[in-house]
């Protein structure tokens, strides 16, 4: 018997909570809801809830080794160049160049907490 779950969402830990919340506020052009300053913020994406939380001091060490994680937040975009320009304008330029794959073009970027973003435009 499988896990009886009712919903799924992505939650990102951020010790620099407000900086990460502001990053996604600007990137997604939306205000988080619900929002608890210094604790939790949630953004509603198409088909996904993105939660951002401030780990309690007793758990911060647990989340400090997440760089290099295999998990990425993938966002399908209509215009890859415009998405790259927005990241640059926000002060978070993608470190690499556009990759072409069989399913389209993509580039990797990172939020202020070091979480990997994959911005993808279908071919």
C-alpha atoms as a PDB file:
ATOM      1  CA  UNK A   1       0.000   0.000   0.000  1.00  0.00           C
ATOM      2  CA  UNK A   2       1.382   3.384  -1.002  1.00  0.00           C
ATOM      3  CA  UNK A   3       1.522   6.578   1.006  1.00  0.00           C
ATOM      4  CA  UNK A   4      -1.947   8.131   1.413  1.00  0.00           C
ATOM      5  CA  UNK A   5      -1.144  11.789   0.726  1.00  0.00           C
ATOM      6  CA  UNK A   6      -3.550  14.622  -0.079  1.00  0.00           C
ATOM      7  CA  UNK A   7      -1.265  17.181  -1.729  1.00  0.00           C
ATOM      8  CA  UNK A   8       2.361  17.841  -2.657  1.00  0.00           C
ATOM      9  CA  UNK A   9       4.419  21.019  -2.789  1.00  0.00           C
ATOM     10  CA  UNK A  10       8.045  22.119  -2.837  1.00  0.00           C
ATOM     11  CA  UNK A  11       9.555  23.738   0.269  1.00  0.00           C
ATOM     12  CA  UNK A  12      12.890  25.539   0.251  1.00  0.00           C
ATOM     13  CA  UNK A  13      14.834  26.237   3.440  1.00  0.00           C
ATOM     14  CA  UNK A  14      16.447  29.667   3.567  1.00  0.00           C
ATOM     15  CA  UNK A  15      18.525  31.049   6.402  1.00  0.00           C
ATOM     16  CA  UNK A  16      18.508  34.332   4.428  1.00  0.00           C
ATOM     17  CA  UNK A  17      14.709  34.124   4.396  1.00  0.00           C
ATOM     18  CA  UNK A  18      13.723  37.692   3.466  1.00  0.00           C
ATOM     19  CA  UNK A  19      16.288  37.869   0.647  1.00  0.00           C
ATOM     20  CA  UNK A  20      14.965  34.629  -0.858  1.00  0.00           C
ATOM     21  CA  UNK A  21      11.328  35.726  -0.453  1.00  0.00           C
ATOM     22  CA  UNK A  22      12.115  39.017  -2.206  1.00  0.00           C
ATOM     23  CA  UNK A  23      13.892  37.117  -5.006  1.00  0.00           C
ATOM     24  CA  UNK A  24      10.823  34.963  -5.737  1.00  0.00           C
ATOM     25  CA  UNK A  25       8.476  37.935  -5.269  1.00  0.00           C
ATOM     26  CA  UNK A  26      10.368  39.769  -8.005  1.00  0.00           C
ATOM     27  CA  UNK A  27      10.936  36.713 -10.221  1.00  0.00           C
ATOM     28  CA  UNK A  28       7.308  35.577 -10.124  1.00  0.00           C
ATOM     29  CA  UNK A  29       5.711  39.049  -9.897  1.00  0.00           C
ATOM     30  CA  UNK A  30       3.486  38.012  -7.021  1.00  0.00           C
ATOM     31  CA  UNK A  31       3.118  38.559  -3.310  1.00  0.00           C
ATOM     32  CA  UNK A  32       3.461  35.450  -1.161  1.00  0.00           C
ATOM     33  CA  UNK A  33       0.319  34.147   0.507  1.00  0.00           C
ATOM     34  CA  UNK A  34       0.300  33.001   3.182  1.00  0.00           C
ATOM     35  CA  UNK A  35       3.171  35.084   4.514  1.00  0.00           C
ATOM     36  CA  UNK A  36       4.591  35.006   8.045  1.00  0.00           C
ATOM     37  CA  UNK A  37       7.602  37.365   8.268  1.00  0.00           C
ATOM     38  CA  UNK A  38      10.769  35.533   9.240  1.00  0.00           C
ATOM     39  CA  UNK A  39       9.029  32.142   9.183  1.00  0.00           C
ATOM     40  CA  UNK A  40       7.132  31.108   6.043  1.00  0.00           C
ATOM     41  CA  UNK A  41       6.099  32.388   2.620  1.00  0.00           C
ATOM     42  CA  UNK A  42       4.205  30.600  -0.106  1.00  0.00           C
ATOM     43  CA  UNK A  43       3.895  31.340  -3.806  1.00  0.00           C
ATOM     44  CA  UNK A  44       1.214  29.848  -6.038  1.00  0.00           C
ATOM     45  CA  UNK A  45       2.690  28.653  -9.328  1.00  0.00           C
ATOM     46  CA  UNK A  46       0.770  26.920 -12.102  1.00  0.00           C
ATOM     47  CA  UNK A  47       0.336  23.384 -10.773  1.00  0.00           C
ATOM     48  CA  UNK A  48       2.662  23.887  -7.784  1.00  0.00           C
ATOM     49  CA  UNK A  49       2.881  25.575  -4.401  1.00  0.00           C
ATOM     50  CA  UNK A  50       6.354  26.869  -3.567  1.00  0.00           C
ATOM     51  CA  UNK A  51       6.948  27.284   0.152  1.00  0.00           C
ATOM     52  CA  UNK A  52       9.962  29.056   1.627  1.00  0.00           C
ATOM     53  CA  UNK A  53      10.735  28.638   5.299  1.00  0.00           C
ATOM     54  CA  UNK A  54      13.290  29.844   7.803  1.00  0.00           C
ATOM     55  CA  UNK A  55      14.720  26.793   9.588  1.00  0.00           C
ATOM     56  CA  UNK A  56      14.675  27.015  13.355  1.00  0.00           C
ATOM     57  CA  UNK A  57      18.139  27.661  14.817  1.00  0.00           C
ATOM     58  CA  UNK A  58      18.271  24.081  16.084  1.00  0.00           C
ATOM     59  CA  UNK A  59      17.805  22.786  12.502  1.00  0.00           C
ATOM     60  CA  UNK A  60      19.907  25.244  10.466  1.00  0.00           C
ATOM     61  CA  UNK A  61      22.905  22.907  10.331  1.00  0.00           C
ATOM     62  CA  UNK A  62      20.723  20.252   8.713  1.00  0.00           C
ATOM     63  CA  UNK A  63      19.969  22.585   5.790  1.00  0.00           C
ATOM     64  CA  UNK A  64      23.453  24.098   5.418  1.00  0.00           C
ATOM     65  CA  UNK A  65      24.735  21.278   3.182  1.00  0.00           C
ATOM     66  CA  UNK A  66      22.118  21.514   0.428  1.00  0.00           C
ATOM     67  CA  UNK A  67      24.371  23.118  -2.208  1.00  0.00           C
ATOM     68  CA  UNK A  68      24.939  20.664  -5.010  1.00  0.00           C
ATOM     69  CA  UNK A  69      21.602  18.995  -4.365  1.00  0.00           C
ATOM     70  CA  UNK A  70      20.110  17.073  -7.261  1.00  0.00           C
ATOM     71  CA  UNK A  71      16.806  18.916  -6.936  1.00  0.00           C
ATOM     72  CA  UNK A  72      16.061  21.860  -9.225  1.00  0.00           C
ATOM     73  CA  UNK A  73      13.087  24.187  -9.531  1.00  0.00           C
ATOM     74  CA  UNK A  74      12.229  24.017 -13.235  1.00  0.00           C
ATOM     75  CA  UNK A  75      10.224  26.863 -14.713  1.00  0.00           C
ATOM     76  CA  UNK A  76       8.895  26.638 -18.265  1.00  0.00           C
ATOM     77  CA  UNK A  77       9.166  30.114 -19.815  1.00  0.00           C
ATOM     78  CA  UNK A  78       7.773  31.602 -23.022  1.00  0.00           C
ATOM     79  CA  UNK A  79      10.908  33.610 -23.804  1.00  0.00           C
ATOM     80  CA  UNK A  80      14.229  32.329 -22.458  1.00  0.00           C
ATOM     81  CA  UNK A  81      16.165  35.483 -23.323  1.00  0.00           C
ATOM     82  CA  UNK A  82      13.631  37.655 -21.453  1.00  0.00           C
ATOM     83  CA  UNK A  83      13.857  35.342 -18.427  1.00  0.00           C
ATOM     84  CA  UNK A  84      17.665  35.573 -18.477  1.00  0.00           C
ATOM     85  CA  UNK A  85      17.448  39.365 -18.751  1.00  0.00           C
ATOM     86  CA  UNK A  86      15.191  39.449 -15.671  1.00  0.00           C
ATOM     87  CA  UNK A  87      17.652  37.359 -13.621  1.00  0.00           C
ATOM     88  CA  UNK A  88      20.489  39.671 -14.702  1.00  0.00           C
ATOM     89  CA  UNK A  89      18.406  42.747 -13.813  1.00  0.00           C
ATOM     90  CA  UNK A  90      17.707  41.206 -10.385  1.00  0.00           C
ATOM     91  CA  UNK A  91      21.459  40.750  -9.807  1.00  0.00           C
ATOM     92  CA  UNK A  92      21.505  36.955 -10.254  1.00  0.00           C
ATOM     93  CA  UNK A  93      22.972  36.328 -13.713  1.00  0.00           C
ATOM     94  CA  UNK A  94      23.086  32.693 -14.806  1.00  0.00           C
ATOM     95  CA  UNK A  95      26.692  31.472 -14.565  1.00  0.00           C
ATOM     96  CA  UNK A  96      26.642  29.463 -17.787  1.00  0.00           C
ATOM     97  CA  UNK A  97      25.297  29.655 -21.283  1.00  0.00           C
ATOM     98  CA  UNK A  98      22.111  28.400 -22.914  1.00  0.00           C
ATOM     99  CA  UNK A  99      22.051  24.635 -23.477  1.00  0.00           C
ATOM    100  CA  UNK A 100      20.141  23.060 -26.343  1.00  0.00           C
ATOM    101  CA  UNK A 101      18.527  19.706 -25.649  1.00  0.00           C
ATOM    102  CA  UNK A 102      16.096  17.537 -27.590  1.00  0.00           C
ATOM    103  CA  UNK A 103      13.194  19.071 -25.661  1.00  0.00           C
ATOM    104  CA  UNK A 104      14.193  22.722 -26.070  1.00  0.00           C
ATOM    105  CA  UNK A 105      16.613  25.307 -24.700  1.00  0.00           C
ATOM    106  CA  UNK A 106      17.473  25.875 -21.053  1.00  0.00           C
ATOM    107  CA  UNK A 107      19.798  27.668 -18.709  1.00  0.00           C
ATOM    108  CA  UNK A 108      20.669  27.152 -15.052  1.00  0.00           C
ATOM    109  CA  UNK A 109      20.429  29.931 -12.509  1.00  0.00           C
ATOM    110  CA  UNK A 110      20.473  30.142  -8.725  1.00  0.00           C
ATOM    111  CA  UNK A 111      18.410  31.913  -6.103  1.00  0.00           C
ATOM    112  CA  UNK A 112      20.060  33.778  -3.182  1.00  0.00           C
ATOM    113  CA  UNK A 113      20.107  30.564  -1.105  1.00  0.00           C
ATOM    114  CA  UNK A 114      21.935  28.644  -3.851  1.00  0.00           C
ATOM    115  CA  UNK A 115      18.919  26.607  -4.992  1.00  0.00           C
ATOM    116  CA  UNK A 116      19.218  25.687  -8.658  1.00  0.00           C
ATOM    117  CA  UNK A 117      16.667  27.039 -11.132  1.00  0.00           C
ATOM    118  CA  UNK A 118      16.278  25.590 -14.589  1.00  0.00           C
ATOM    119  CA  UNK A 119      14.626  28.026 -16.956  1.00  0.00           C
ATOM    120  CA  UNK A 120      13.384  26.066 -19.957  1.00  0.00           C
ATOM    121  CA  UNK A 121      11.818  27.083 -23.266  1.00  0.00           C
ATOM    122  CA  UNK A 122      10.284  24.283 -25.336  1.00  0.00           C
ATOM    123  CA  UNK A 123      11.270  23.971 -28.961  1.00  0.00           C
END
